Amino acid sequence: ARGLDRAGVVKPTTPTAEECVNLGKILQVD
């Protein structure tokens, strides 16, 4: 939830490809 907020993901249930890449960097997930 904090990562979604920091990444500015508009719709957390259906993120875009760009949002996934940004979220991956913030959360450090594969």
PDB file of all heavy atoms in Angstrom:
ATOM      1  N   ALA A   1       0.833  -1.211   0.000  1.00  0.00           N
ATOM      2  CA  ALA A   1       0.000   0.000   0.000  1.00  0.00           C
ATOM      3  C   ALA A   1       0.865   1.258   0.000  1.00  0.00           C
ATOM      4  O   ALA A   1       0.588   2.214  -0.739  1.00  0.00           O
ATOM      5  CB  ALA A   1      -0.941  -0.008   1.209  1.00  0.00           C
ATOM      6  N   ARG A   2       1.937   1.273   0.809  1.00  0.00           N
ATOM      7  CA  ARG A   2       2.835   2.434   0.814  1.00  0.00           C
ATOM      8  C   ARG A   2       3.526   2.600  -0.536  1.00  0.00           C
ATOM      9  O   ARG A   2       3.695   3.708  -1.036  1.00  0.00           O
ATOM     10  CB  ARG A   2       3.868   2.294   1.928  1.00  0.00           C
ATOM     11  CG  ARG A   2       3.322   2.651   3.299  1.00  0.00           C
ATOM     12  CD  ARG A   2       4.430   2.748   4.352  1.00  0.00           C
ATOM     13  NE  ARG A   2       5.063   1.465   4.647  1.00  0.00           N
ATOM     14  CZ  ARG A   2       4.564   0.558   5.467  1.00  0.00           C
ATOM     15  NH1 ARG A   2       3.411   0.768   6.067  1.00  0.00           N
ATOM     16  NH2 ARG A   2       5.204  -0.568   5.679  1.00  0.00           N
ATOM     17  N   GLY A   3       3.923   1.482  -1.136  1.00  0.00           N
ATOM     18  CA  GLY A   3       4.572   1.533  -2.451  1.00  0.00           C
ATOM     19  C   GLY A   3       3.627   2.050  -3.519  1.00  0.00           C
ATOM     20  O   GLY A   3       4.029   2.844  -4.378  1.00  0.00           O
ATOM     21  N   LEU A   4       2.366   1.614  -3.478  1.00  0.00           N
ATOM     22  CA  LEU A   4       1.366   2.102  -4.435  1.00  0.00           C
ATOM     23  C   LEU A   4       1.183   3.609  -4.293  1.00  0.00           C
ATOM     24  O   LEU A   4       1.078   4.326  -5.289  1.00  0.00           O
ATOM     25  CB  LEU A   4       0.025   1.390  -4.220  1.00  0.00           C
ATOM     26  CG  LEU A   4      -0.048  -0.070  -4.655  1.00  0.00           C
ATOM     27  CD1 LEU A   4      -1.285  -0.743  -4.080  1.00  0.00           C
ATOM     28  CD2 LEU A   4      -0.032  -0.171  -6.165  1.00  0.00           C
ATOM     29  N   ASP A   5       1.179   4.084  -3.059  1.00  0.00           N
ATOM     30  CA  ASP A   5       1.027   5.517  -2.798  1.00  0.00           C
ATOM     31  C   ASP A   5       2.241   6.296  -3.320  1.00  0.00           C
ATOM     32  O   ASP A   5       2.090   7.309  -4.003  1.00  0.00           O
ATOM     33  CB  ASP A   5       0.823   5.747  -1.297  1.00  0.00           C
ATOM     34  CG  ASP A   5       0.420   7.165  -0.984  1.00  0.00           C
ATOM     35  OD1 ASP A   5      -0.460   7.698  -1.700  1.00  0.00           O
ATOM     36  OD2 ASP A   5       0.985   7.750  -0.033  1.00  0.00           O
ATOM     37  N   ARG A   6       3.442   5.805  -3.004  1.00  0.00           N
ATOM     38  CA  ARG A   6       4.676   6.477  -3.456  1.00  0.00           C
ATOM     39  C   ARG A   6       4.809   6.459  -4.975  1.00  0.00           C
ATOM     40  O   ARG A   6       5.308   7.416  -5.568  1.00  0.00           O
ATOM     41  CB  ARG A   6       5.897   5.822  -2.825  1.00  0.00           C
ATOM     42  CG  ARG A   6       6.072   6.189  -1.366  1.00  0.00           C
ATOM     43  CD  ARG A   6       7.334   5.618  -0.760  1.00  0.00           C
ATOM     44  NE  ARG A   6       8.524   6.004  -1.501  1.00  0.00           N
ATOM     45  CZ  ARG A   6       9.632   5.273  -1.542  1.00  0.00           C
ATOM     46  NH1 ARG A   6       9.706   4.127  -0.905  1.00  0.00           N
ATOM     47  NH2 ARG A   6      10.675   5.681  -2.229  1.00  0.00           N
ATOM     48  N   ALA A   7       4.369   5.365  -5.608  1.00  0.00           N
ATOM     49  CA  ALA A   7       4.479   5.251  -7.070  1.00  0.00           C
ATOM     50  C   ALA A   7       3.385   6.039  -7.785  1.00  0.00           C
ATOM     51  O   ALA A   7       3.452   6.223  -9.000  1.00  0.00           O
ATOM     52  CB  ALA A   7       4.420   3.780  -7.491  1.00  0.00           C
ATOM     53  N   GLY A   8       2.372   6.479  -7.047  1.00  0.00           N
ATOM     54  CA  GLY A   8       1.285   7.235  -7.662  1.00  0.00           C
ATOM     55  C   GLY A   8       0.434   6.399  -8.607  1.00  0.00           C
ATOM     56  O   GLY A   8      -0.056   6.901  -9.614  1.00  0.00           O
ATOM     57  N   VAL A   9       0.240   5.121  -8.258  1.00  0.00           N
ATOM     58  CA  VAL A   9      -0.570   4.232  -9.098  1.00  0.00           C
ATOM     59  C   VAL A   9      -2.029   4.678  -9.000  1.00  0.00           C
ATOM     60  O   VAL A   9      -2.599   4.736  -7.916  1.00  0.00           O
ATOM     61  CB  VAL A   9      -0.406   2.759  -8.662  1.00  0.00           C
ATOM     62  CG1 VAL A   9      -1.304   1.854  -9.484  1.00  0.00           C
ATOM     63  CG2 VAL A   9       1.052   2.337  -8.787  1.00  0.00           C
ATOM     64  N   VAL A  10      -2.611   5.005 -10.151  1.00  0.00           N
ATOM     65  CA  VAL A  10      -3.967   5.552 -10.188  1.00  0.00           C
ATOM     66  C   VAL A  10      -5.001   4.494  -9.822  1.00  0.00           C
ATOM     67  O   VAL A  10      -5.869   4.722  -8.981  1.00  0.00           O
ATOM     68  CB  VAL A  10      -4.269   6.154 -11.586  1.00  0.00           C
ATOM     69  CG1 VAL A  10      -5.680   6.694 -11.637  1.00  0.00           C
ATOM     70  CG2 VAL A  10      -3.262   7.243 -11.917  1.00  0.00           C
ATOM     71  N   LYS A  11      -4.935   3.330 -10.462  1.00  0.00           N
ATOM     72  CA  LYS A  11      -5.870   2.226 -10.181  1.00  0.00           C
ATOM     73  C   LYS A  11      -5.060   1.026  -9.721  1.00  0.00           C
ATOM     74  O   LYS A  11      -4.557   0.274 -10.555  1.00  0.00           O
ATOM     75  CB  LYS A  11      -6.693   1.892 -11.424  1.00  0.00           C
ATOM     76  CG  LYS A  11      -7.680   2.986 -11.828  1.00  0.00           C
ATOM     77  CD  LYS A  11      -8.473   2.601 -13.045  1.00  0.00           C
ATOM     78  CE  LYS A  11      -9.574   1.667 -12.619  1.00  0.00           C
ATOM     79  NZ  LYS A  11     -10.449   1.285 -13.734  1.00  0.00           N
ATOM     80  N   PRO A  12      -4.921   0.830  -8.404  1.00  0.00           N
ATOM     81  CA  PRO A  12      -4.083  -0.265  -7.897  1.00  0.00           C
ATOM     82  C   PRO A  12      -4.520  -1.654  -8.357  1.00  0.00           C
ATOM     83  O   PRO A  12      -3.708  -2.571  -8.381  1.00  0.00           O
ATOM     84  CB  PRO A  12      -4.215  -0.150  -6.378  1.00  0.00           C
ATOM     85  CG  PRO A  12      -4.650   1.246  -6.129  1.00  0.00           C
ATOM     86  CD  PRO A  12      -5.458   1.651  -7.327  1.00  0.00           C
ATOM     87  N   THR A  13      -5.785  -1.827  -8.711  1.00  0.00           N
ATOM     88  CA  THR A  13      -6.250  -3.147  -9.148  1.00  0.00           C
ATOM     89  C   THR A  13      -5.866  -3.442 -10.594  1.00  0.00           C
ATOM     90  O   THR A  13      -5.836  -4.606 -10.990  1.00  0.00           O
ATOM     91  CB  THR A  13      -7.777  -3.271  -8.981  1.00  0.00           C
ATOM     92  OG1 THR A  13      -8.407  -2.215  -9.699  1.00  0.00           O
ATOM     93  CG2 THR A  13      -8.170  -3.204  -7.505  1.00  0.00           C
ATOM     94  N   THR A  14      -5.578  -2.399 -11.381  1.00  0.00           N
ATOM     95  CA  THR A  14      -5.208  -2.585 -12.791  1.00  0.00           C
ATOM     96  C   THR A  14      -4.104  -1.604 -13.180  1.00  0.00           C
ATOM     97  O   THR A  14      -4.342  -0.648 -13.914  1.00  0.00           O
ATOM     98  CB  THR A  14      -6.420  -2.394 -13.720  1.00  0.00           C
ATOM     99  OG1 THR A  14      -6.991  -1.098 -13.444  1.00  0.00           O
ATOM    100  CG2 THR A  14      -7.460  -3.469 -13.532  1.00  0.00           C
ATOM    101  N   PRO A  15      -2.881  -1.828 -12.716  1.00  0.00           N
ATOM    102  CA  PRO A  15      -1.801  -0.899 -13.022  1.00  0.00           C
ATOM    103  C   PRO A  15      -1.335  -1.016 -14.477  1.00  0.00           C
ATOM    104  O   PRO A  15      -1.462  -2.070 -15.095  1.00  0.00           O
ATOM    105  CB  PRO A  15      -0.693  -1.323 -12.065  1.00  0.00           C
ATOM    106  CG  PRO A  15      -0.937  -2.785 -11.853  1.00  0.00           C
ATOM    107  CD  PRO A  15      -2.435  -2.951 -11.898  1.00  0.00           C
ATOM    108  N   THR A  16      -0.791   0.077 -14.986  1.00  0.00           N
ATOM    109  CA  THR A  16      -0.221   0.063 -16.331  1.00  0.00           C
ATOM    110  C   THR A  16       1.168  -0.580 -16.269  1.00  0.00           C
ATOM    111  O   THR A  16       1.732  -0.768 -15.184  1.00  0.00           O
ATOM    112  CB  THR A  16      -0.091   1.489 -16.884  1.00  0.00           C
ATOM    113  OG1 THR A  16       0.861   2.203 -16.075  1.00  0.00           O
ATOM    114  CG2 THR A  16      -1.429   2.211 -16.897  1.00  0.00           C
ATOM    115  N   ALA A  17       1.754  -0.862 -17.433  1.00  0.00           N
ATOM    116  CA  ALA A  17       3.093  -1.447 -17.487  1.00  0.00           C
ATOM    117  C   ALA A  17       4.116  -0.503 -16.860  1.00  0.00           C
ATOM    118  O   ALA A  17       5.001  -0.937 -16.121  1.00  0.00           O
ATOM    119  CB  ALA A  17       3.457  -1.766 -18.930  1.00  0.00           C
ATOM    120  N   GLU A  18       3.985   0.799 -17.143  1.00  0.00           N
ATOM    121  CA  GLU A  18       4.918   1.784 -16.584  1.00  0.00           C
ATOM    122  C   GLU A  18       4.804   1.835 -15.058  1.00  0.00           C
ATOM    123  O   GLU A  18       5.812   1.946 -14.346  1.00  0.00           O
ATOM    124  CB  GLU A  18       4.663   3.182 -17.168  1.00  0.00           C
ATOM    125  CG  GLU A  18       4.894   3.289 -18.660  1.00  0.00           C
ATOM    126  CD  GLU A  18       3.716   2.769 -19.497  1.00  0.00           C
ATOM    127  OE1 GLU A  18       2.561   2.784 -19.005  1.00  0.00           O
ATOM    128  OE2 GLU A  18       3.963   2.325 -20.629  1.00  0.00           O
ATOM    129  N   GLU A  19       3.572   1.769 -14.556  1.00  0.00           N
ATOM    130  CA  GLU A  19       3.360   1.778 -13.109  1.00  0.00           C
ATOM    131  C   GLU A  19       3.956   0.526 -12.462  1.00  0.00           C
ATOM    132  O   GLU A  19       4.517   0.596 -11.365  1.00  0.00           O
ATOM    133  CB  GLU A  19       1.874   1.894 -12.778  1.00  0.00           C
ATOM    134  CG  GLU A  19       1.293   3.260 -13.094  1.00  0.00           C
ATOM    135  CD  GLU A  19      -0.215   3.326 -12.951  1.00  0.00           C
ATOM    136  OE1 GLU A  19      -0.890   2.283 -13.152  1.00  0.00           O
ATOM    137  OE2 GLU A  19      -0.719   4.423 -12.651  1.00  0.00           O
ATOM    138  N   CYS A  20       3.879  -0.626 -13.154  1.00  0.00           N
ATOM    139  CA  CYS A  20       4.468  -1.867 -12.625  1.00  0.00           C
ATOM    140  C   CYS A  20       5.982  -1.750 -12.517  1.00  0.00           C
ATOM    141  O   CYS A  20       6.581  -2.169 -11.518  1.00  0.00           O
ATOM    142  CB  CYS A  20       4.116  -3.060 -13.514  1.00  0.00           C
ATOM    143  SG  CYS A  20       2.431  -3.616 -13.323  1.00  0.00           S
ATOM    144  N   VAL A  21       6.611  -1.169 -13.540  1.00  0.00           N
ATOM    145  CA  VAL A  21       8.065  -0.995 -13.525  1.00  0.00           C
ATOM    146  C   VAL A  21       8.462  -0.070 -12.370  1.00  0.00           C
ATOM    147  O   VAL A  21       9.378  -0.373 -11.598  1.00  0.00           O
ATOM    148  CB  VAL A  21       8.569  -0.451 -14.878  1.00  0.00           C
ATOM    149  CG1 VAL A  21      10.041  -0.069 -14.794  1.00  0.00           C
ATOM    150  CG2 VAL A  21       8.342  -1.481 -15.980  1.00  0.00           C
ATOM    151  N   ASN A  22       7.759   1.051 -12.231  1.00  0.00           N
ATOM    152  CA  ASN A  22       8.042   2.004 -11.165  1.00  0.00           C
ATOM    153  C   ASN A  22       7.800   1.372  -9.793  1.00  0.00           C
ATOM    154  O   ASN A  22       8.601   1.537  -8.868  1.00  0.00           O
ATOM    155  CB  ASN A  22       7.175   3.256 -11.353  1.00  0.00           C
ATOM    156  CG  ASN A  22       7.615   4.401 -10.479  1.00  0.00           C
ATOM    157  OD1 ASN A  22       8.753   4.457 -10.027  1.00  0.00           O
ATOM    158  ND2 ASN A  22       6.715   5.325 -10.239  1.00  0.00           N
ATOM    159  N   LEU A  23       6.726   0.627  -9.661  1.00  0.00           N
ATOM    160  CA  LEU A  23       6.401  -0.045  -8.405  1.00  0.00           C
ATOM    161  C   LEU A  23       7.466  -1.093  -8.056  1.00  0.00           C
ATOM    162  O   LEU A  23       7.851  -1.238  -6.891  1.00  0.00           O
ATOM    163  CB  LEU A  23       5.022  -0.699  -8.519  1.00  0.00           C
ATOM    164  CG  LEU A  23       4.359  -1.185  -7.252  1.00  0.00           C
ATOM    165  CD1 LEU A  23       4.186  -0.060  -6.243  1.00  0.00           C
ATOM    166  CD2 LEU A  23       3.003  -1.801  -7.583  1.00  0.00           C
ATOM    167  N   GLY A  24       7.960  -1.783  -9.069  1.00  0.00           N
ATOM    168  CA  GLY A  24       9.016  -2.772  -8.846  1.00  0.00           C
ATOM    169  C   GLY A  24      10.277  -2.146  -8.286  1.00  0.00           C
ATOM    170  O   GLY A  24      10.935  -2.720  -7.415  1.00  0.00           O
ATOM    171  N   LYS A  25      10.622  -0.944  -8.770  1.00  0.00           N
ATOM    172  CA  LYS A  25      11.808  -0.246  -8.264  1.00  0.00           C
ATOM    173  C   LYS A  25      11.601   0.201  -6.820  1.00  0.00           C
ATOM    174  O   LYS A  25      12.500   0.090  -5.987  1.00  0.00           O
ATOM    175  CB  LYS A  25      12.111   0.959  -9.151  1.00  0.00           C
ATOM    176  CG  LYS A  25      12.610   0.581 -10.531  1.00  0.00           C
ATOM    177  CD  LYS A  25      12.781   1.801 -11.409  1.00  0.00           C
ATOM    178  CE  LYS A  25      13.143   1.391 -12.825  1.00  0.00           C
ATOM    179  NZ  LYS A  25      13.131   2.545 -13.747  1.00  0.00           N
ATOM    180  N   ILE A  26      10.419   0.707  -6.521  1.00  0.00           N
ATOM    181  CA  ILE A  26      10.132   1.198  -5.172  1.00  0.00           C
ATOM    182  C   ILE A  26      10.075   0.050  -4.171  1.00  0.00           C
ATOM    183  O   ILE A  26      10.659   0.117  -3.088  1.00  0.00           O
ATOM    184  CB  ILE A  26       8.821   2.014  -5.160  1.00  0.00           C
ATOM    185  CG1 ILE A  26       9.023   3.320  -5.935  1.00  0.00           C
ATOM    186  CG2 ILE A  26       8.347   2.276  -3.740  1.00  0.00           C
ATOM    187  CD1 ILE A  26       7.754   4.084  -6.207  1.00  0.00           C
ATOM    188  N   LEU A  27       9.370  -1.036  -4.526  1.00  0.00           N
ATOM    189  CA  LEU A  27       9.186  -2.168  -3.615  1.00  0.00           C
ATOM    190  C   LEU A  27      10.346  -3.162  -3.664  1.00  0.00           C
ATOM    191  O   LEU A  27      10.454  -4.021  -2.805  1.00  0.00           O
ATOM    192  CB  LEU A  27       7.881  -2.908  -3.936  1.00  0.00           C
ATOM    193  CG  LEU A  27       6.582  -2.142  -3.754  1.00  0.00           C
ATOM    194  CD1 LEU A  27       5.395  -2.981  -4.219  1.00  0.00           C
ATOM    195  CD2 LEU A  27       6.404  -1.712  -2.304  1.00  0.00           C
ATOM    196  N   GLN A  28      11.176  -3.059  -4.687  1.00  0.00           N
ATOM    197  CA  GLN A  28      12.284  -3.990  -4.915  1.00  0.00           C
ATOM    198  C   GLN A  28      11.780  -5.431  -4.999  1.00  0.00           C
ATOM    199  O   GLN A  28      12.233  -6.320  -4.282  1.00  0.00           O
ATOM    200  CB  GLN A  28      13.352  -3.827  -3.845  1.00  0.00           C
ATOM    201  CG  GLN A  28      13.975  -2.445  -3.860  1.00  0.00           C
ATOM    202  CD  GLN A  28      15.049  -2.258  -2.816  1.00  0.00           C
ATOM    203  OE1 GLN A  28      15.316  -3.143  -2.006  1.00  0.00           O
ATOM    204  NE2 GLN A  28      15.674  -1.101  -2.849  1.00  0.00           N
ATOM    205  N   VAL A  29      10.794  -5.632  -5.880  1.00  0.00           N
ATOM    206  CA  VAL A  29      10.221  -6.963  -6.105  1.00  0.00           C
ATOM    207  C   VAL A  29      10.477  -7.398  -7.540  1.00  0.00           C
ATOM    208  O   VAL A  29      10.696  -6.568  -8.429  1.00  0.00           O
ATOM    209  CB  VAL A  29       8.698  -6.992  -5.814  1.00  0.00           C
ATOM    210  CG1 VAL A  29       8.428  -6.770  -4.342  1.00  0.00           C
ATOM    211  CG2 VAL A  29       7.942  -5.986  -6.657  1.00  0.00           C
ATOM    212  N   ASP A  30      10.459  -8.705  -7.745  1.00  0.00           N
ATOM    213  CA  ASP A  30      10.667  -9.271  -9.080  1.00  0.00           C
ATOM    214  C   ASP A  30       9.401  -9.204  -9.929  1.00  0.00           C
ATOM    215  O   ASP A  30       9.475  -9.164 -11.153  1.00  0.00           O
ATOM    216  CB  ASP A  30      11.115 -10.732  -8.975  1.00  0.00           C
ATOM    217  CG  ASP A  30      12.383 -10.880  -8.158  1.00  0.00           C
ATOM    218  OD1 ASP A  30      13.341 -10.125  -8.407  1.00  0.00           O
ATOM    219  OD2 ASP A  30      12.407 -11.745  -7.258  1.00  0.00           O
TER     220      ASP A  30
END
